[in-house]
Amino acid sequence: VKSYITLVKEDSIVKIEIPETISIIRLGALYGNDIEEIVIPNTVKKIEVDALVKNPLTKVTIGENVDIDENAISQEFSLAYDFVNNKKAGTYIFDGWKWELQ
């Protein structure tokens, strides 16, 4: 059972897939790692403060009803996920201005 996280650079894009054995992405866990794309499985129920900040994220695939702490990813992502889409699962794309559910 995979219980670790691996960063993969594919076509000069840094991608990461969180293993399904993870239920919480802890405080500062992936802070400042140049991550552009991330897959967060349905098993993740909480993302803590600073877990994913300082990453140039452009694509986030996330499960439903994840509890995202303030400043865990970005204010713009939290707004799109929590309030605009009511914590709906799916792939969110950042166009340089706003996050949209695909």
Protein backbone atom coordinates (compact mmCIF):
# COMPACT_ATOMS: atom_id res chain seq x y z
CA VAL A 1 0.00 0.00 0.00
CA LYS A 2 1.47 3.30 -1.09
CA SER A 3 1.61 5.77 1.80
CA TYR A 4 4.10 8.30 0.49
CA ILE A 5 3.93 11.19 -1.96
CA THR A 6 6.06 11.40 -5.09
CA LEU A 7 6.59 14.54 -7.14
CA VAL A 8 6.74 13.79 -10.88
CA LYS A 9 8.04 16.18 -13.51
CA GLU A 10 6.31 15.46 -16.81
CA ASP A 11 6.89 17.70 -19.83
CA SER A 12 8.34 20.31 -17.42
CA ILE A 13 5.10 20.33 -15.37
CA VAL A 14 5.39 19.25 -11.75
CA LYS A 15 2.51 16.89 -10.91
CA ILE A 16 1.62 15.08 -7.72
CA GLU A 17 -0.97 12.46 -6.83
CA ILE A 18 -1.83 12.05 -3.16
CA PRO A 19 -2.11 8.34 -2.21
CA GLU A 20 -5.51 7.03 -1.15
CA THR A 21 -4.02 6.04 2.22
CA ILE A 22 -3.82 9.75 3.18
CA SER A 23 -6.82 11.36 4.91
CA ILE A 24 -5.26 14.67 6.02
CA ILE A 25 -2.72 16.85 4.23
CA ARG A 26 -0.94 18.31 7.23
CA LEU A 27 0.28 21.81 8.05
CA GLY A 28 2.91 22.90 5.52
CA ALA A 29 3.22 19.38 4.05
CA LEU A 30 3.76 20.48 0.44
CA TYR A 31 4.63 24.14 1.00
CA GLY A 32 6.67 25.70 -1.81
CA ASN A 33 7.38 22.71 -4.07
CA ASP A 34 6.64 24.18 -7.54
CA ILE A 35 3.61 21.89 -7.86
CA GLU A 36 1.43 22.82 -10.82
CA GLU A 37 -1.04 19.93 -10.88
CA ILE A 38 -2.34 17.85 -7.98
CA VAL A 39 -4.80 14.99 -7.60
CA ILE A 40 -6.41 14.79 -4.15
CA PRO A 41 -8.43 11.57 -3.76
CA ASN A 42 -11.80 11.14 -2.06
CA THR A 43 -10.02 9.71 0.99
CA VAL A 44 -8.61 13.15 1.89
CA LYS A 45 -11.06 14.84 4.25
CA LYS A 46 -8.98 17.81 5.43
CA ILE A 47 -6.23 20.11 4.14
CA GLU A 48 -4.51 22.07 6.89
CA VAL A 49 -3.04 25.61 6.89
CA ASP A 50 -0.12 26.23 4.50
CA ALA A 51 -0.31 22.65 3.19
CA LEU A 52 -0.17 23.71 -0.47
CA VAL A 53 0.65 27.41 -0.53
CA LYS A 54 3.59 28.81 -2.51
CA ASN A 55 2.93 26.41 -5.40
CA PRO A 56 2.03 27.66 -8.91
CA LEU A 57 -1.06 25.44 -9.07
CA THR A 58 -3.05 25.50 -12.31
CA LYS A 59 -4.97 22.22 -12.02
CA VAL A 60 -6.49 20.61 -8.90
CA THR A 61 -8.53 17.42 -8.97
CA ILE A 62 -10.25 17.03 -5.62
CA GLY A 63 -12.91 14.90 -3.92
CA GLU A 64 -16.19 16.09 -2.48
CA ASN A 65 -16.62 17.86 0.86
CA VAL A 66 -12.94 18.32 1.73
CA ASP A 67 -12.48 20.66 4.70
CA ILE A 68 -9.91 23.23 3.57
CA ASP A 69 -8.38 25.43 6.27
CA GLU A 70 -7.93 29.13 5.58
CA ASN A 71 -4.67 29.67 3.66
CA ALA A 72 -4.28 25.95 2.96
CA ILE A 73 -4.14 26.34 -0.83
CA SER A 74 -5.12 29.80 -2.03
CA GLN A 75 -7.99 32.12 -1.26
CA GLU A 76 -9.09 32.00 -4.88
CA PHE A 77 -9.22 28.19 -4.93
CA SER A 78 -11.04 28.03 -1.59
CA LEU A 79 -13.61 30.52 -2.87
CA ALA A 80 -14.23 28.48 -6.04
CA TYR A 81 -14.37 25.13 -4.23
CA ASP A 82 -16.08 26.02 -0.93
CA PHE A 83 -18.51 28.75 -1.91
CA VAL A 84 -19.07 28.86 -5.68
CA ASN A 85 -19.28 25.07 -6.15
CA ASN A 86 -20.34 23.96 -2.64
CA LYS A 87 -17.36 21.59 -2.20
CA LYS A 88 -18.19 19.69 -5.37
CA ALA A 89 -15.69 17.04 -6.53
CA GLY A 90 -13.96 17.49 -9.85
CA THR A 91 -11.09 19.10 -11.68
CA TYR A 92 -10.57 22.82 -11.15
CA ILE A 93 -8.49 24.81 -13.63
CA PHE A 94 -6.83 28.18 -12.91
CA ASP A 95 -6.74 30.44 -15.97
CA GLY A 96 -4.46 33.03 -14.38
CA TRP A 97 -7.43 34.97 -13.09
CA LYS A 98 -9.93 32.57 -11.49
CA TRP A 99 -10.55 28.89 -10.73
CA GLU A 100 -13.29 27.08 -12.64
CA LEU A 101 -14.73 23.62 -12.26
CA GLN A 102 -14.41 21.70 -15.52
